[in-house]
Amino acid sequence: MRARPILPVLVAAVLVPDAHGVSRGLDREPSMVEHTFDSGGGVSEGRSQRMLRTTIGPDDAATVGELLRELGQGVGTPEELRDAAIYWSAAIDPDMECADLQTIAWLLRDASAQRRVPTAKRDRARYWAAYLEGRMAS
């Protein structure tokens, strides 16, 4: 693991008294506050790497892809969901990025809330959305 540079950040704060000349117990003098941030955005490298490398198995990807195809071809599926389901059914991959898996999970959540989608497909969409979200959280 290589060391990351430390970036200091200085923030100046000037407190101005209110209309009655009272500064509510705060100093009238400008104060300087220094805080150090690491360049990694404050997230430990191990968690950051794990979030980017979230994967699902090939069987699960195939099952979710098939469900998305069914939703995309479904008569009751609203058009905007149908188009997105067709796109993601072709794009799903066991090694796709976490952000793409999250998009698929949101799409499945949306489908599970549509009353025009048959109950069995809504239930499957809800299950797989929860599964994908769980994979990203672990």
C-alpha atoms as a PDB file:
ATOM      1  CA  MET A   1       0.000   0.000   0.000  1.00  0.00           C
ATOM      2  CA  ARG A   2       1.529   3.309  -0.977  1.00  0.00           C
ATOM      3  CA  ALA A   3       1.266   6.366   1.233  1.00  0.00           C
ATOM      4  CA  ARG A   4      -1.176   9.045   0.193  1.00  0.00           C
ATOM      5  CA  PRO A   5      -0.270  12.740   0.434  1.00  0.00           C
ATOM      6  CA  ILE A   6      -1.891  14.715   3.219  1.00  0.00           C
ATOM      7  CA  LEU A   7      -3.661  17.863   2.038  1.00  0.00           C
ATOM      8  CA  PRO A   8      -4.168  20.623   4.640  1.00  0.00           C
ATOM      9  CA  VAL A   9      -7.237  22.816   4.296  1.00  0.00           C
ATOM     10  CA  LEU A  10      -7.501  26.193   6.006  1.00  0.00           C
ATOM     11  CA  VAL A  11     -10.866  27.788   6.617  1.00  0.00           C
ATOM     12  CA  ALA A  12     -11.257  31.376   7.812  1.00  0.00           C
ATOM     13  CA  ALA A  13     -14.345  32.280   9.817  1.00  0.00           C
ATOM     14  CA  VAL A  14     -15.366  35.859  10.580  1.00  0.00           C
ATOM     15  CA  LEU A  15     -18.230  36.284  13.021  1.00  0.00           C
ATOM     16  CA  VAL A  16     -20.326  39.409  12.661  1.00  0.00           C
ATOM     17  CA  PRO A  17     -22.440  40.648  15.596  1.00  0.00           C
ATOM     18  CA  ASP A  18     -26.220  40.794  15.135  1.00  0.00           C
ATOM     19  CA  ALA A  19     -28.263  44.036  14.949  1.00  0.00           C
ATOM     20  CA  HIS A  20     -27.945  44.505  18.743  1.00  0.00           C
ATOM     21  CA  GLY A  21     -24.165  44.172  18.729  1.00  0.00           C
ATOM     22  CA  VAL A  22     -24.271  40.741  20.345  1.00  0.00           C
ATOM     23  CA  SER A  23     -22.185  37.969  18.890  1.00  0.00           C
ATOM     24  CA  ARG A  24     -23.903  35.258  20.933  1.00  0.00           C
ATOM     25  CA  GLY A  25     -20.855  34.330  22.944  1.00  0.00           C
ATOM     26  CA  LEU A  26     -18.636  33.807  19.918  1.00  0.00           C
ATOM     27  CA  ASP A  27     -15.317  35.550  19.336  1.00  0.00           C
ATOM     28  CA  ARG A  28     -15.273  38.731  17.283  1.00  0.00           C
ATOM     29  CA  GLU A  29     -11.773  37.951  16.069  1.00  0.00           C
ATOM     30  CA  PRO A  30     -11.382  35.915  12.883  1.00  0.00           C
ATOM     31  CA  SER A  31     -10.431  32.371  13.704  1.00  0.00           C
ATOM     32  CA  MET A  32      -8.486  29.851  11.667  1.00  0.00           C
ATOM     33  CA  VAL A  33      -9.432  26.197  11.650  1.00  0.00           C
ATOM     34  CA  GLU A  34      -7.152  23.602  10.160  1.00  0.00           C
ATOM     35  CA  HIS A  35      -8.321  20.138   9.209  1.00  0.00           C
ATOM     36  CA  THR A  36      -6.398  17.484   7.331  1.00  0.00           C
ATOM     37  CA  PHE A  37      -8.099  15.343   4.681  1.00  0.00           C
ATOM     38  CA  ASP A  38      -6.487  12.377   3.029  1.00  0.00           C
ATOM     39  CA  SER A  39      -6.625  12.371  -0.767  1.00  0.00           C
ATOM     40  CA  GLY A  40      -8.709   9.172  -0.805  1.00  0.00           C
ATOM     41  CA  GLY A  41     -11.863  11.019   0.161  1.00  0.00           C
ATOM     42  CA  GLY A  42     -11.903   9.703   3.721  1.00  0.00           C
ATOM     43  CA  VAL A  43     -12.945   6.149   2.817  1.00  0.00           C
ATOM     44  CA  SER A  44     -10.597   3.375   3.794  1.00  0.00           C
ATOM     45  CA  GLU A  45      -8.898   1.842   0.795  1.00  0.00           C
ATOM     46  CA  GLY A  46     -10.122  -1.678   1.590  1.00  0.00           C
ATOM     47  CA  ARG A  47     -13.810  -0.649   1.647  1.00  0.00           C
ATOM     48  CA  SER A  48     -13.385   1.514  -1.450  1.00  0.00           C
ATOM     49  CA  GLN A  49     -11.827  -1.331  -3.419  1.00  0.00           C
ATOM     50  CA  ARG A  50     -14.495  -3.784  -2.262  1.00  0.00           C
ATOM     51  CA  MET A  51     -17.306  -1.436  -3.336  1.00  0.00           C
ATOM     52  CA  LEU A  52     -15.842  -1.100  -6.823  1.00  0.00           C
ATOM     53  CA  ARG A  53     -15.360  -4.858  -7.207  1.00  0.00           C
ATOM     54  CA  THR A  54     -18.794  -6.051  -6.131  1.00  0.00           C
ATOM     55  CA  THR A  55     -19.700  -8.986  -8.312  1.00  0.00           C
ATOM     56  CA  ILE A  56     -22.542 -11.417  -8.732  1.00  0.00           C
ATOM     57  CA  GLY A  57     -22.200 -14.960  -9.936  1.00  0.00           C
ATOM     58  CA  PRO A  58     -22.740 -15.896 -13.581  1.00  0.00           C
ATOM     59  CA  ASP A  59     -25.897 -17.868 -12.723  1.00  0.00           C
ATOM     60  CA  ASP A  60     -27.349 -14.910 -10.829  1.00  0.00           C
ATOM     61  CA  ALA A  61     -26.474 -12.543 -13.673  1.00  0.00           C
ATOM     62  CA  ALA A  62     -28.220 -14.865 -16.129  1.00  0.00           C
ATOM     63  CA  THR A  63     -31.306 -15.118 -13.894  1.00  0.00           C
ATOM     64  CA  VAL A  64     -31.545 -11.342 -13.427  1.00  0.00           C
ATOM     65  CA  GLY A  65     -30.956 -10.850 -17.157  1.00  0.00           C
ATOM     66  CA  GLU A  66     -33.816 -13.228 -17.946  1.00  0.00           C
ATOM     67  CA  LEU A  67     -36.130 -11.407 -15.518  1.00  0.00           C
ATOM     68  CA  LEU A  68     -35.208  -8.091 -17.125  1.00  0.00           C
ATOM     69  CA  ARG A  69     -35.970  -9.566 -20.572  1.00  0.00           C
ATOM     70  CA  GLU A  70     -39.356 -10.747 -19.330  1.00  0.00           C
ATOM     71  CA  LEU A  71     -40.090  -7.296 -17.896  1.00  0.00           C
ATOM     72  CA  GLY A  72     -38.958  -5.698 -21.155  1.00  0.00           C
ATOM     73  CA  GLN A  73     -41.297  -7.871 -23.192  1.00  0.00           C
ATOM     74  CA  GLY A  74     -44.163  -7.718 -20.689  1.00  0.00           C
ATOM     75  CA  VAL A  75     -47.479  -6.294 -21.788  1.00  0.00           C
ATOM     76  CA  GLY A  76     -48.137  -4.562 -18.446  1.00  0.00           C
ATOM     77  CA  THR A  77     -44.702  -2.999 -18.051  1.00  0.00           C
ATOM     78  CA  PRO A  78     -44.728   0.795 -18.589  1.00  0.00           C
ATOM     79  CA  GLU A  79     -42.756   1.917 -21.643  1.00  0.00           C
ATOM     80  CA  GLU A  80     -39.902   3.666 -19.806  1.00  0.00           C
ATOM     81  CA  LEU A  81     -39.337   0.590 -17.616  1.00  0.00           C
ATOM     82  CA  ARG A  82     -39.648  -1.702 -20.628  1.00  0.00           C
ATOM     83  CA  ASP A  83     -36.931   0.176 -22.534  1.00  0.00           C
ATOM     84  CA  ALA A  84     -34.568   0.222 -19.546  1.00  0.00           C
ATOM     85  CA  ALA A  85     -35.211  -3.473 -18.805  1.00  0.00           C
ATOM     86  CA  ILE A  86     -34.378  -4.447 -22.386  1.00  0.00           C
ATOM     87  CA  TYR A  87     -31.164  -2.405 -22.301  1.00  0.00           C
ATOM     88  CA  TRP A  88     -29.969  -3.799 -18.951  1.00  0.00           C
ATOM     89  CA  SER A  89     -30.945  -7.377 -19.826  1.00  0.00           C
ATOM     90  CA  ALA A  90     -28.294  -7.272 -22.543  1.00  0.00           C
ATOM     91  CA  ALA A  91     -25.766  -5.322 -20.452  1.00  0.00           C
ATOM     92  CA  ILE A  92     -25.799  -7.335 -17.219  1.00  0.00           C
ATOM     93  CA  ASP A  93     -22.518  -9.069 -16.503  1.00  0.00           C
ATOM     94  CA  PRO A  94     -21.092 -10.824 -13.438  1.00  0.00           C
ATOM     95  CA  ASP A  95     -18.199  -8.333 -13.274  1.00  0.00           C
ATOM     96  CA  MET A  96     -20.094  -5.093 -13.852  1.00  0.00           C
ATOM     97  CA  GLU A  97     -19.411  -2.026 -11.737  1.00  0.00           C
ATOM     98  CA  CYS A  98     -21.230  -1.394  -8.510  1.00  0.00           C
ATOM     99  CA  ALA A  99     -22.983   1.699  -9.909  1.00  0.00           C
ATOM    100  CA  ASP A 100     -24.473  -0.374 -12.737  1.00  0.00           C
ATOM    101  CA  LEU A 101     -25.680  -3.040 -10.320  1.00  0.00           C
ATOM    102  CA  GLN A 102     -27.300  -0.282  -8.263  1.00  0.00           C
ATOM    103  CA  THR A 103     -29.058   1.000 -11.382  1.00  0.00           C
ATOM    104  CA  ILE A 104     -30.409  -2.486 -12.064  1.00  0.00           C
ATOM    105  CA  ALA A 105     -31.548  -2.806  -8.441  1.00  0.00           C
ATOM    106  CA  TRP A 106     -33.413   0.520  -8.728  1.00  0.00           C
ATOM    107  CA  LEU A 107     -34.995  -0.613 -11.978  1.00  0.00           C
ATOM    108  CA  LEU A 108     -36.162  -3.830 -10.331  1.00  0.00           C
ATOM    109  CA  ARG A 109     -37.520  -1.852  -7.354  1.00  0.00           C
ATOM    110  CA  ASP A 110     -39.464   0.353  -9.757  1.00  0.00           C
ATOM    111  CA  ALA A 111     -40.850  -2.694 -11.553  1.00  0.00           C
ATOM    112  CA  SER A 112     -41.866  -4.285  -8.251  1.00  0.00           C
ATOM    113  CA  ALA A 113     -43.970  -1.217  -7.438  1.00  0.00           C
ATOM    114  CA  GLN A 114     -45.895  -1.254 -10.746  1.00  0.00           C
ATOM    115  CA  ARG A 115     -49.408  -2.662 -10.323  1.00  0.00           C
ATOM    116  CA  ARG A 116     -49.599  -3.338 -14.067  1.00  0.00           C
ATOM    117  CA  VAL A 117     -46.721  -5.820 -13.810  1.00  0.00           C
ATOM    118  CA  PRO A 118     -47.976  -9.329 -12.908  1.00  0.00           C
ATOM    119  CA  THR A 119     -47.643 -10.188  -9.211  1.00  0.00           C
ATOM    120  CA  ALA A 120     -45.191 -13.056  -9.743  1.00  0.00           C
ATOM    121  CA  LYS A 121     -42.810 -10.796 -11.698  1.00  0.00           C
ATOM    122  CA  ARG A 122     -43.191  -8.009  -9.114  1.00  0.00           C
ATOM    123  CA  ASP A 123     -42.245 -10.456  -6.367  1.00  0.00           C
ATOM    124  CA  ARG A 124     -39.216 -11.717  -8.315  1.00  0.00           C
ATOM    125  CA  ALA A 125     -38.143  -8.141  -9.073  1.00  0.00           C
ATOM    126  CA  ARG A 126     -38.390  -7.233  -5.367  1.00  0.00           C
ATOM    127  CA  TYR A 127     -36.361 -10.317  -4.394  1.00  0.00           C
ATOM    128  CA  TRP A 128     -33.566  -9.653  -6.905  1.00  0.00           C
ATOM    129  CA  ALA A 129     -33.436  -5.932  -6.079  1.00  0.00           C
ATOM    130  CA  ALA A 130     -32.890  -6.815  -2.413  1.00  0.00           C
ATOM    131  CA  TYR A 131     -30.295  -9.429  -3.390  1.00  0.00           C
ATOM    132  CA  LEU A 132     -28.309  -6.938  -5.490  1.00  0.00           C
ATOM    133  CA  GLU A 133     -28.494  -4.271  -2.791  1.00  0.00           C
ATOM    134  CA  GLY A 134     -27.286  -6.817  -0.257  1.00  0.00           C
ATOM    135  CA  ARG A 135     -24.321  -7.717  -2.459  1.00  0.00           C
ATOM    136  CA  MET A 136     -23.338  -4.063  -2.612  1.00  0.00           C
ATOM    137  CA  ALA A 137     -23.655  -3.557   1.151  1.00  0.00           C
ATOM    138  CA  SER A 138     -21.582  -6.571   2.139  1.00  0.00           C
END
